[in-house]
């Protein structure tokens, strides 16, 4: 149950933040370069559909090089909804995609992968798992702390406009 809250919250919060940025009518030239990645994947899918064309890669490069004037569009829901369990690697990818630092979360890799996700997998695959009250409470505090940290990252980015290349300092 705790894993479900973890995965659901991180995915929904990330998708909500991506939607917020997509609705601000920003241009890629105004925002951090990390936001180009998702759009580049969209361009690559279009090229894949026409890969038999000799100049498809030239079209892709041209789109990427002229992306600055395009509106920011981050269809994160389609992307992270299809990639499996929220392990540390995926969480780290989401952080980087949204322009957040991963350094403060690196110490939580074992907690996410070996404690939280492994427990989820044991339960989901029908294996017996006995957790005592103290272990469960400690894990719950750690995971809720991670979720709060992610929420704070998003709130700070919105408040400080740190998604911009040149944020306006008040």
N, C-alpha and C. Protein backbone atom coordinates (compact mmCIF):
# COMPACT_ATOMS: atom_id res chain seq x y z
N UNK A 1 0.83 -1.19 0.00
CA UNK A 1 0.00 0.00 0.00
C UNK A 1 0.88 1.26 0.00
N UNK A 2 1.94 1.22 0.79
CA UNK A 2 2.84 2.38 0.86
C UNK A 2 3.51 2.61 -0.50
N UNK A 3 3.91 1.53 -1.17
CA UNK A 3 4.49 1.68 -2.50
C UNK A 3 3.50 2.33 -3.46
N UNK A 4 2.24 1.94 -3.40
CA UNK A 4 1.22 2.52 -4.29
C UNK A 4 1.11 4.02 -4.08
N UNK A 5 1.17 4.45 -2.84
CA UNK A 5 1.14 5.90 -2.55
C UNK A 5 2.38 6.58 -3.13
N UNK A 6 3.53 5.96 -2.96
CA UNK A 6 4.79 6.49 -3.47
C UNK A 6 4.72 6.67 -4.99
N UNK A 7 4.40 5.60 -5.69
CA UNK A 7 4.37 5.65 -7.15
C UNK A 7 3.30 6.62 -7.64
N UNK A 8 2.12 6.52 -7.09
CA UNK A 8 1.02 7.37 -7.53
C UNK A 8 1.31 8.85 -7.31
N UNK A 9 1.85 9.18 -6.14
CA UNK A 9 2.12 10.59 -5.85
C UNK A 9 3.21 11.15 -6.76
N UNK A 10 4.31 10.45 -6.88
CA UNK A 10 5.43 10.96 -7.69
C UNK A 10 4.99 11.13 -9.14
N UNK A 11 4.31 10.14 -9.68
CA UNK A 11 3.86 10.23 -11.07
C UNK A 11 2.86 11.37 -11.27
N UNK A 12 1.86 11.46 -10.41
CA UNK A 12 0.84 12.51 -10.56
C UNK A 12 1.44 13.90 -10.36
N UNK A 13 2.31 14.05 -9.38
CA UNK A 13 2.93 15.35 -9.13
C UNK A 13 3.82 15.76 -10.31
N UNK A 14 4.59 14.83 -10.84
CA UNK A 14 5.46 15.13 -11.99
C UNK A 14 4.62 15.50 -13.21
N UNK A 15 3.57 14.74 -13.46
CA UNK A 15 2.68 15.03 -14.59
C UNK A 15 2.00 16.39 -14.40
N UNK A 16 1.59 16.69 -13.19
CA UNK A 16 0.96 17.98 -12.90
C UNK A 16 1.92 19.13 -13.13
N UNK A 17 3.16 18.98 -12.70
CA UNK A 17 4.16 20.02 -12.90
C UNK A 17 4.46 20.20 -14.40
N UNK A 18 4.58 19.09 -15.11
CA UNK A 18 4.82 19.15 -16.56
C UNK A 18 3.65 19.85 -17.25
N UNK A 19 2.43 19.55 -16.81
CA UNK A 19 1.24 20.21 -17.36
C UNK A 19 1.24 21.70 -17.07
N UNK A 20 1.64 22.07 -15.87
CA UNK A 20 1.75 23.48 -15.49
C UNK A 20 2.70 24.21 -16.44
N UNK A 21 3.87 23.62 -16.67
CA UNK A 21 4.85 24.25 -17.56
C UNK A 21 4.33 24.31 -19.00
N UNK A 22 3.65 23.25 -19.43
CA UNK A 22 3.12 23.22 -20.79
C UNK A 22 2.06 24.29 -21.01
N UNK A 23 1.33 24.65 -19.98
CA UNK A 23 0.25 25.63 -20.09
C UNK A 23 0.71 27.07 -19.90
N UNK A 24 1.96 27.31 -19.63
CA UNK A 24 2.45 28.66 -19.39
C UNK A 24 2.82 29.41 -20.67
N UNK A 25 2.68 28.77 -21.81
CA UNK A 25 3.01 29.37 -23.10
C UNK A 25 4.47 29.83 -23.17
N UNK A 26 5.34 29.03 -22.57
CA UNK A 26 6.77 29.29 -22.63
C UNK A 26 7.34 28.70 -23.91
N UNK A 27 8.48 29.18 -24.30
CA UNK A 27 9.22 28.65 -25.45
C UNK A 27 10.44 27.89 -24.93
N UNK A 28 10.88 26.90 -25.69
CA UNK A 28 12.04 26.11 -25.26
C UNK A 28 13.28 26.98 -25.07
N UNK A 29 13.39 28.06 -25.78
CA UNK A 29 14.52 28.96 -25.61
C UNK A 29 14.52 29.67 -24.26
N UNK A 30 13.39 29.68 -23.57
CA UNK A 30 13.27 30.34 -22.27
C UNK A 30 13.54 29.42 -21.09
N UNK A 31 13.40 28.12 -21.30
CA UNK A 31 13.46 27.18 -20.18
C UNK A 31 14.77 26.39 -20.19
N UNK A 32 15.02 25.71 -19.08
CA UNK A 32 16.21 24.88 -18.95
C UNK A 32 16.26 23.83 -20.05
N UNK A 33 17.44 23.48 -20.45
CA UNK A 33 17.61 22.51 -21.55
C UNK A 33 17.05 21.13 -21.23
N UNK A 34 16.93 20.79 -19.97
CA UNK A 34 16.41 19.46 -19.60
C UNK A 34 15.02 19.22 -20.18
N UNK A 35 14.26 20.28 -20.40
CA UNK A 35 12.89 20.12 -20.90
C UNK A 35 12.84 19.79 -22.39
N UNK A 36 13.94 19.90 -23.06
CA UNK A 36 14.00 19.56 -24.48
C UNK A 36 13.94 18.05 -24.72
N UNK A 37 14.35 17.30 -23.72
CA UNK A 37 14.46 15.85 -23.87
C UNK A 37 13.18 15.17 -24.28
N UNK A 38 12.10 15.49 -23.61
CA UNK A 38 10.82 14.86 -23.90
C UNK A 38 10.33 15.22 -25.29
N UNK A 39 10.50 16.46 -25.68
CA UNK A 39 10.09 16.87 -27.03
C UNK A 39 10.97 16.20 -28.08
N UNK A 40 12.24 16.03 -27.77
CA UNK A 40 13.14 15.36 -28.71
C UNK A 40 12.70 13.92 -28.93
N UNK A 41 12.24 13.26 -27.88
CA UNK A 41 11.74 11.89 -28.01
C UNK A 41 10.52 11.88 -28.94
N UNK A 42 9.66 12.88 -28.81
CA UNK A 42 8.50 12.99 -29.69
C UNK A 42 8.95 13.15 -31.14
N UNK A 43 9.94 14.00 -31.36
CA UNK A 43 10.48 14.18 -32.71
C UNK A 43 11.07 12.87 -33.23
N UNK A 44 11.78 12.15 -32.36
CA UNK A 44 12.41 10.89 -32.77
C UNK A 44 11.36 9.86 -33.17
N UNK A 45 10.24 9.84 -32.46
CA UNK A 45 9.16 8.90 -32.81
C UNK A 45 8.61 9.23 -34.20
N UNK A 46 8.52 10.52 -34.49
CA UNK A 46 8.04 10.93 -35.82
C UNK A 46 9.03 10.49 -36.89
N UNK A 47 10.31 10.62 -36.60
CA UNK A 47 11.34 10.19 -37.56
C UNK A 47 11.28 8.67 -37.73
N UNK A 48 11.08 7.95 -36.63
CA UNK A 48 10.99 6.49 -36.70
C UNK A 48 9.86 6.06 -37.63
N UNK A 49 8.76 6.82 -37.61
CA UNK A 49 7.62 6.49 -38.46
C UNK A 49 7.95 6.66 -39.94
N UNK A 50 8.91 7.50 -40.24
CA UNK A 50 9.28 7.73 -41.65
C UNK A 50 10.75 7.39 -41.89
N UNK A 51 11.26 6.41 -41.16
CA UNK A 51 12.70 6.11 -41.19
C UNK A 51 13.21 5.70 -42.56
N UNK A 52 12.34 5.33 -43.44
CA UNK A 52 12.79 4.92 -44.77
C UNK A 52 13.21 6.11 -45.62
N UNK A 53 12.76 7.30 -45.19
CA UNK A 53 13.17 8.50 -45.92
C UNK A 53 14.64 8.76 -45.67
N UNK A 54 15.34 9.04 -46.70
CA UNK A 54 16.78 9.25 -46.62
C UNK A 54 17.15 10.42 -45.71
N UNK A 55 16.35 11.47 -45.70
CA UNK A 55 16.73 12.68 -44.97
C UNK A 55 15.97 12.83 -43.64
N UNK A 56 15.43 11.75 -43.12
CA UNK A 56 14.67 11.83 -41.86
C UNK A 56 15.55 12.33 -40.72
N UNK A 57 16.80 11.90 -40.66
CA UNK A 57 17.68 12.36 -39.57
C UNK A 57 18.00 13.83 -39.73
N UNK A 58 18.09 14.32 -40.95
CA UNK A 58 18.30 15.75 -41.17
C UNK A 58 17.11 16.54 -40.65
N UNK A 59 15.91 16.03 -40.89
CA UNK A 59 14.71 16.68 -40.38
C UNK A 59 14.73 16.72 -38.86
N UNK A 60 15.14 15.61 -38.24
CA UNK A 60 15.21 15.55 -36.78
C UNK A 60 16.20 16.59 -36.25
N UNK A 61 17.37 16.64 -36.84
CA UNK A 61 18.37 17.61 -36.39
C UNK A 61 17.88 19.04 -36.57
N UNK A 62 17.23 19.30 -37.67
CA UNK A 62 16.69 20.63 -37.92
C UNK A 62 15.65 21.01 -36.86
N UNK A 63 14.77 20.08 -36.52
CA UNK A 63 13.76 20.34 -35.49
C UNK A 63 14.41 20.64 -34.14
N UNK A 64 15.41 19.86 -33.79
CA UNK A 64 16.10 20.06 -32.51
C UNK A 64 16.82 21.41 -32.50
N UNK A 65 17.48 21.74 -33.60
CA UNK A 65 18.25 22.99 -33.65
C UNK A 65 17.36 24.24 -33.67
N UNK A 66 16.12 24.09 -34.12
CA UNK A 66 15.22 25.24 -34.18
C UNK A 66 14.14 25.19 -33.10
N UNK A 67 14.32 24.34 -32.12
CA UNK A 67 13.33 24.13 -31.07
C UNK A 67 13.10 25.37 -30.20
N UNK A 68 14.07 26.25 -30.10
CA UNK A 68 13.97 27.42 -29.20
C UNK A 68 12.67 28.19 -29.35
N UNK A 69 12.16 28.30 -30.56
CA UNK A 69 10.96 29.11 -30.78
C UNK A 69 9.65 28.33 -30.57
N UNK A 70 9.75 27.01 -30.40
CA UNK A 70 8.56 26.18 -30.20
C UNK A 70 8.06 26.30 -28.77
N UNK A 71 6.74 26.19 -28.62
CA UNK A 71 6.13 26.20 -27.28
C UNK A 71 6.51 24.94 -26.52
N UNK A 72 6.75 25.10 -25.24
CA UNK A 72 7.06 23.97 -24.37
C UNK A 72 5.83 23.07 -24.29
N UNK A 73 6.05 21.81 -24.58
CA UNK A 73 4.99 20.81 -24.48
C UNK A 73 5.62 19.57 -23.86
N UNK A 74 5.17 19.21 -22.67
CA UNK A 74 5.76 18.09 -21.95
C UNK A 74 4.71 17.01 -21.70
N UNK A 75 4.51 16.11 -22.66
CA UNK A 75 3.51 15.06 -22.49
C UNK A 75 4.01 13.93 -21.59
N UNK A 76 4.26 14.28 -20.35
CA UNK A 76 4.88 13.35 -19.42
C UNK A 76 3.97 12.18 -19.06
N UNK A 77 2.67 12.39 -19.07
CA UNK A 77 1.73 11.34 -18.70
C UNK A 77 1.87 10.11 -19.56
N UNK A 78 1.99 10.30 -20.87
CA UNK A 78 2.15 9.16 -21.78
C UNK A 78 3.46 8.45 -21.53
N UNK A 79 4.47 9.20 -21.16
CA UNK A 79 5.81 8.63 -21.02
C UNK A 79 5.98 7.86 -19.72
N UNK A 80 5.73 8.49 -18.58
CA UNK A 80 6.01 7.79 -17.32
C UNK A 80 4.91 6.83 -16.92
N UNK A 81 3.80 6.87 -17.60
CA UNK A 81 2.74 5.91 -17.31
C UNK A 81 3.02 4.54 -17.88
N UNK A 82 4.03 4.44 -18.74
CA UNK A 82 4.28 3.20 -19.47
C UNK A 82 5.63 2.55 -19.16
N UNK A 83 6.30 2.99 -18.11
CA UNK A 83 7.68 2.52 -17.93
C UNK A 83 7.90 1.57 -16.76
N UNK A 84 6.87 1.14 -16.09
CA UNK A 84 7.06 0.15 -15.05
C UNK A 84 7.15 0.74 -13.65
N UNK A 85 7.69 -0.07 -12.75
CA UNK A 85 7.76 0.31 -11.34
C UNK A 85 8.67 1.51 -11.11
N UNK A 86 8.32 2.28 -10.10
CA UNK A 86 9.07 3.49 -9.79
C UNK A 86 10.25 3.14 -8.89
N UNK A 87 11.31 2.64 -9.52
CA UNK A 87 12.54 2.36 -8.80
C UNK A 87 13.38 3.64 -8.74
N UNK A 88 14.56 3.56 -8.14
CA UNK A 88 15.39 4.75 -7.99
C UNK A 88 15.80 5.31 -9.36
N UNK A 89 16.15 4.45 -10.29
CA UNK A 89 16.60 4.91 -11.60
C UNK A 89 15.52 5.73 -12.31
N UNK A 90 14.29 5.25 -12.29
CA UNK A 90 13.20 5.98 -12.90
C UNK A 90 12.93 7.28 -12.16
N UNK A 91 12.95 7.23 -10.84
CA UNK A 91 12.76 8.44 -10.03
C UNK A 91 13.84 9.47 -10.37
N UNK A 92 15.08 9.03 -10.47
CA UNK A 92 16.19 9.91 -10.83
C UNK A 92 15.99 10.51 -12.22
N UNK A 93 15.51 9.70 -13.16
CA UNK A 93 15.22 10.20 -14.52
C UNK A 93 14.15 11.29 -14.49
N UNK A 94 13.11 11.07 -13.68
CA UNK A 94 12.04 12.06 -13.56
C UNK A 94 12.59 13.36 -12.97
N UNK A 95 13.40 13.23 -11.93
CA UNK A 95 14.01 14.42 -11.32
C UNK A 95 14.80 15.22 -12.36
N UNK A 96 15.66 14.53 -13.09
CA UNK A 96 16.50 15.20 -14.09
C UNK A 96 15.66 15.80 -15.21
N UNK A 97 14.65 15.08 -15.66
CA UNK A 97 13.78 15.58 -16.71
C UNK A 97 13.10 16.88 -16.31
N UNK A 98 12.78 17.00 -15.02
CA UNK A 98 12.10 18.19 -14.52
C UNK A 98 13.06 19.27 -14.03
N UNK A 99 14.35 19.03 -14.18
CA UNK A 99 15.34 20.04 -13.81
C UNK A 99 15.71 20.06 -12.35
N UNK A 100 15.44 18.97 -11.63
CA UNK A 100 15.76 18.89 -10.20
C UNK A 100 17.04 18.11 -9.99
N UNK A 101 17.75 18.45 -8.94
CA UNK A 101 18.98 17.75 -8.59
C UNK A 101 18.66 16.37 -7.99
N UNK A 102 19.52 15.41 -8.26
CA UNK A 102 19.32 14.06 -7.73
C UNK A 102 20.18 13.81 -6.49
N UNK A 103 21.13 14.66 -6.23
CA UNK A 103 22.14 14.41 -5.20
C UNK A 103 21.54 14.12 -3.83
N UNK A 104 20.52 14.87 -3.42
CA UNK A 104 19.97 14.66 -2.07
C UNK A 104 19.14 13.38 -1.97
N UNK A 105 18.81 12.79 -3.08
CA UNK A 105 18.02 11.56 -3.07
C UNK A 105 18.88 10.31 -3.24
N UNK A 106 20.15 10.49 -3.60
CA UNK A 106 21.01 9.33 -3.87
C UNK A 106 21.16 8.42 -2.66
N UNK A 107 21.11 8.98 -1.47
CA UNK A 107 21.23 8.15 -0.27
C UNK A 107 19.99 7.30 -0.03
N UNK A 108 18.95 7.53 -0.80
CA UNK A 108 17.68 6.80 -0.64
C UNK A 108 17.53 5.68 -1.66
N UNK A 109 18.56 5.43 -2.44
CA UNK A 109 18.50 4.38 -3.47
C UNK A 109 18.15 3.02 -2.87
N UNK A 110 18.84 2.63 -1.83
CA UNK A 110 18.60 1.33 -1.20
C UNK A 110 17.19 1.29 -0.62
N UNK A 111 16.78 2.36 0.03
CA UNK A 111 15.42 2.43 0.58
C UNK A 111 14.38 2.21 -0.50
N UNK A 112 14.54 2.90 -1.63
CA UNK A 112 13.56 2.81 -2.71
C UNK A 112 13.59 1.43 -3.38
N UNK A 113 14.78 1.00 -3.78
CA UNK A 113 14.89 -0.24 -4.56
C UNK A 113 14.80 -1.51 -3.73
N UNK A 114 15.52 -1.55 -2.62
CA UNK A 114 15.64 -2.80 -1.88
C UNK A 114 14.64 -2.94 -0.74
N UNK A 115 14.16 -1.84 -0.23
CA UNK A 115 13.19 -1.95 0.87
C UNK A 115 11.78 -1.78 0.33
N UNK A 116 11.49 -0.64 -0.25
CA UNK A 116 10.13 -0.34 -0.70
C UNK A 116 9.71 -1.19 -1.90
N UNK A 117 10.48 -1.13 -2.97
CA UNK A 117 10.10 -1.84 -4.20
C UNK A 117 10.19 -3.35 -4.04
N UNK A 118 11.21 -3.81 -3.34
CA UNK A 118 11.34 -5.25 -3.14
C UNK A 118 10.18 -5.79 -2.29
N UNK A 119 9.77 -5.03 -1.28
CA UNK A 119 8.62 -5.44 -0.46
C UNK A 119 7.36 -5.48 -1.32
N UNK A 120 7.18 -4.47 -2.14
CA UNK A 120 6.01 -4.43 -3.04
C UNK A 120 6.00 -5.64 -3.95
N UNK A 121 7.16 -5.96 -4.52
CA UNK A 121 7.23 -7.09 -5.45
C UNK A 121 6.94 -8.42 -4.76
N UNK A 122 7.45 -8.58 -3.55
CA UNK A 122 7.17 -9.82 -2.81
C UNK A 122 5.67 -9.98 -2.60
N UNK A 123 5.02 -8.93 -2.16
CA UNK A 123 3.57 -8.98 -1.90
C UNK A 123 2.81 -9.20 -3.21
N UNK A 124 3.18 -8.44 -4.25
CA UNK A 124 2.48 -8.53 -5.54
C UNK A 124 2.61 -9.91 -6.18
N UNK A 125 3.71 -10.62 -5.88
CA UNK A 125 3.93 -11.93 -6.48
C UNK A 125 3.56 -13.08 -5.55
N UNK A 126 2.81 -12.74 -4.49
CA UNK A 126 2.26 -13.77 -3.63
C UNK A 126 3.19 -14.34 -2.59
N UNK A 127 4.33 -13.72 -2.36
CA UNK A 127 5.24 -14.22 -1.34
C UNK A 127 4.87 -13.65 0.03
N UNK A 128 5.19 -14.40 1.04
CA UNK A 128 4.89 -13.99 2.41
C UNK A 128 5.90 -12.92 2.84
N UNK A 129 5.39 -11.88 3.47
CA UNK A 129 6.26 -10.82 3.97
C UNK A 129 5.71 -10.36 5.30
N UNK A 130 6.52 -10.49 6.32
CA UNK A 130 6.12 -10.06 7.65
C UNK A 130 6.92 -8.81 8.02
N UNK A 131 6.23 -7.73 8.25
CA UNK A 131 6.88 -6.50 8.68
C UNK A 131 6.36 -6.16 10.07
N UNK A 132 7.29 -5.89 10.96
CA UNK A 132 6.85 -5.49 12.29
C UNK A 132 6.44 -4.02 12.29
N UNK A 133 5.77 -3.62 13.34
CA UNK A 133 5.21 -2.27 13.43
C UNK A 133 6.30 -1.19 13.31
N UNK A 134 7.42 -1.36 14.00
CA UNK A 134 8.48 -0.34 13.97
C UNK A 134 9.08 -0.20 12.57
N UNK A 135 9.33 -1.33 11.93
CA UNK A 135 9.88 -1.30 10.57
C UNK A 135 8.90 -0.61 9.62
N UNK A 136 7.64 -0.94 9.74
CA UNK A 136 6.61 -0.34 8.89
C UNK A 136 6.51 1.16 9.13
N UNK A 137 6.49 1.55 10.39
CA UNK A 137 6.41 2.99 10.71
C UNK A 137 7.63 3.75 10.22
N UNK A 138 8.81 3.18 10.38
CA UNK A 138 10.03 3.83 9.90
C UNK A 138 10.02 3.97 8.38
N UNK A 139 9.61 2.92 7.69
CA UNK A 139 9.53 2.97 6.23
C UNK A 139 8.50 4.01 5.79
N UNK A 140 7.38 4.06 6.48
CA UNK A 140 6.35 5.04 6.14
C UNK A 140 6.90 6.47 6.32
N UNK A 141 7.60 6.73 7.39
CA UNK A 141 8.18 8.06 7.61
C UNK A 141 9.18 8.42 6.52
N UNK A 142 10.01 7.47 6.14
CA UNK A 142 11.01 7.71 5.10
C UNK A 142 10.36 8.02 3.75
N UNK A 143 9.38 7.22 3.39
CA UNK A 143 8.72 7.39 2.09
C UNK A 143 7.91 8.69 2.06
N UNK A 144 7.21 8.99 3.12
CA UNK A 144 6.47 10.25 3.18
C UNK A 144 7.45 11.43 3.12
N UNK A 145 8.61 11.29 3.74
CA UNK A 145 9.64 12.32 3.64
C UNK A 145 10.10 12.53 2.20
N UNK A 146 10.29 11.44 1.46
CA UNK A 146 10.65 11.54 0.05
C UNK A 146 9.57 12.25 -0.76
N UNK A 147 8.33 11.89 -0.50
CA UNK A 147 7.21 12.51 -1.21
C UNK A 147 7.12 14.00 -0.88
N UNK A 148 7.29 14.35 0.38
CA UNK A 148 7.27 15.76 0.77
C UNK A 148 8.43 16.52 0.12
N UNK A 149 9.58 15.89 0.07
CA UNK A 149 10.74 16.52 -0.57
C UNK A 149 10.47 16.81 -2.04
N UNK A 150 9.85 15.88 -2.73
CA UNK A 150 9.53 16.06 -4.14
C UNK A 150 8.50 17.18 -4.32
N UNK A 151 7.50 17.19 -3.44
CA UNK A 151 6.49 18.26 -3.47
C UNK A 151 7.15 19.62 -3.26
N UNK A 152 8.08 19.69 -2.34
CA UNK A 152 8.79 20.95 -2.06
C UNK A 152 9.62 21.38 -3.26
N UNK A 153 10.24 20.41 -3.94
CA UNK A 153 11.01 20.72 -5.17
C UNK A 153 10.10 21.42 -6.18
N UNK A 154 8.93 20.88 -6.39
CA UNK A 154 7.99 21.44 -7.36
C UNK A 154 7.51 22.81 -6.92
N UNK A 155 7.12 22.93 -5.67
CA UNK A 155 6.64 24.22 -5.16
C UNK A 155 7.72 25.30 -5.27
N UNK A 156 8.94 24.93 -4.94
CA UNK A 156 10.05 25.90 -5.03
C UNK A 156 10.31 26.30 -6.48
N UNK A 157 10.27 25.34 -7.38
CA UNK A 157 10.51 25.65 -8.79
C UNK A 157 9.44 26.60 -9.32
N UNK A 158 8.19 26.39 -8.93
CA UNK A 158 7.11 27.26 -9.37
C UNK A 158 7.28 28.66 -8.78
N UNK A 159 7.56 28.72 -7.49
CA UNK A 159 7.71 30.00 -6.80
C UNK A 159 8.90 30.80 -7.32
N UNK A 160 10.03 30.11 -7.46
CA UNK A 160 11.27 30.78 -7.86
C UNK A 160 11.47 30.85 -9.38
N UNK A 161 10.55 30.20 -10.10
CA UNK A 161 10.64 30.11 -11.56
C UNK A 161 11.99 29.56 -12.01
N UNK A 162 12.47 28.58 -11.26
CA UNK A 162 13.78 28.01 -11.55
C UNK A 162 13.77 27.12 -12.79
N UNK A 163 12.61 26.94 -13.41
CA UNK A 163 12.52 26.22 -14.68
C UNK A 163 12.98 27.10 -15.85
N UNK A 164 13.12 28.41 -15.59
CA UNK A 164 13.57 29.35 -16.62
C UNK A 164 15.09 29.36 -16.71
N UNK A 165 15.62 29.62 -17.90
CA UNK A 165 17.07 29.77 -18.05
C UNK A 165 17.54 30.99 -17.26
N UNK A 166 16.76 32.03 -17.29
CA UNK A 166 17.09 33.27 -16.57
C UNK A 166 15.94 33.64 -15.65
N UNK A 167 15.85 32.96 -14.48
CA UNK A 167 14.72 33.25 -13.59
C UNK A 167 14.76 34.70 -13.10
N UNK A 168 13.59 35.26 -12.96
CA UNK A 168 13.47 36.64 -12.48
C UNK A 168 13.62 36.60 -10.97
N UNK A 169 14.61 37.31 -10.46
CA UNK A 169 14.85 37.34 -9.03
C UNK A 169 14.14 38.57 -8.46
N UNK A 170 13.27 38.33 -7.48
CA UNK A 170 12.49 39.42 -6.89
C UNK A 170 13.22 40.04 -5.73
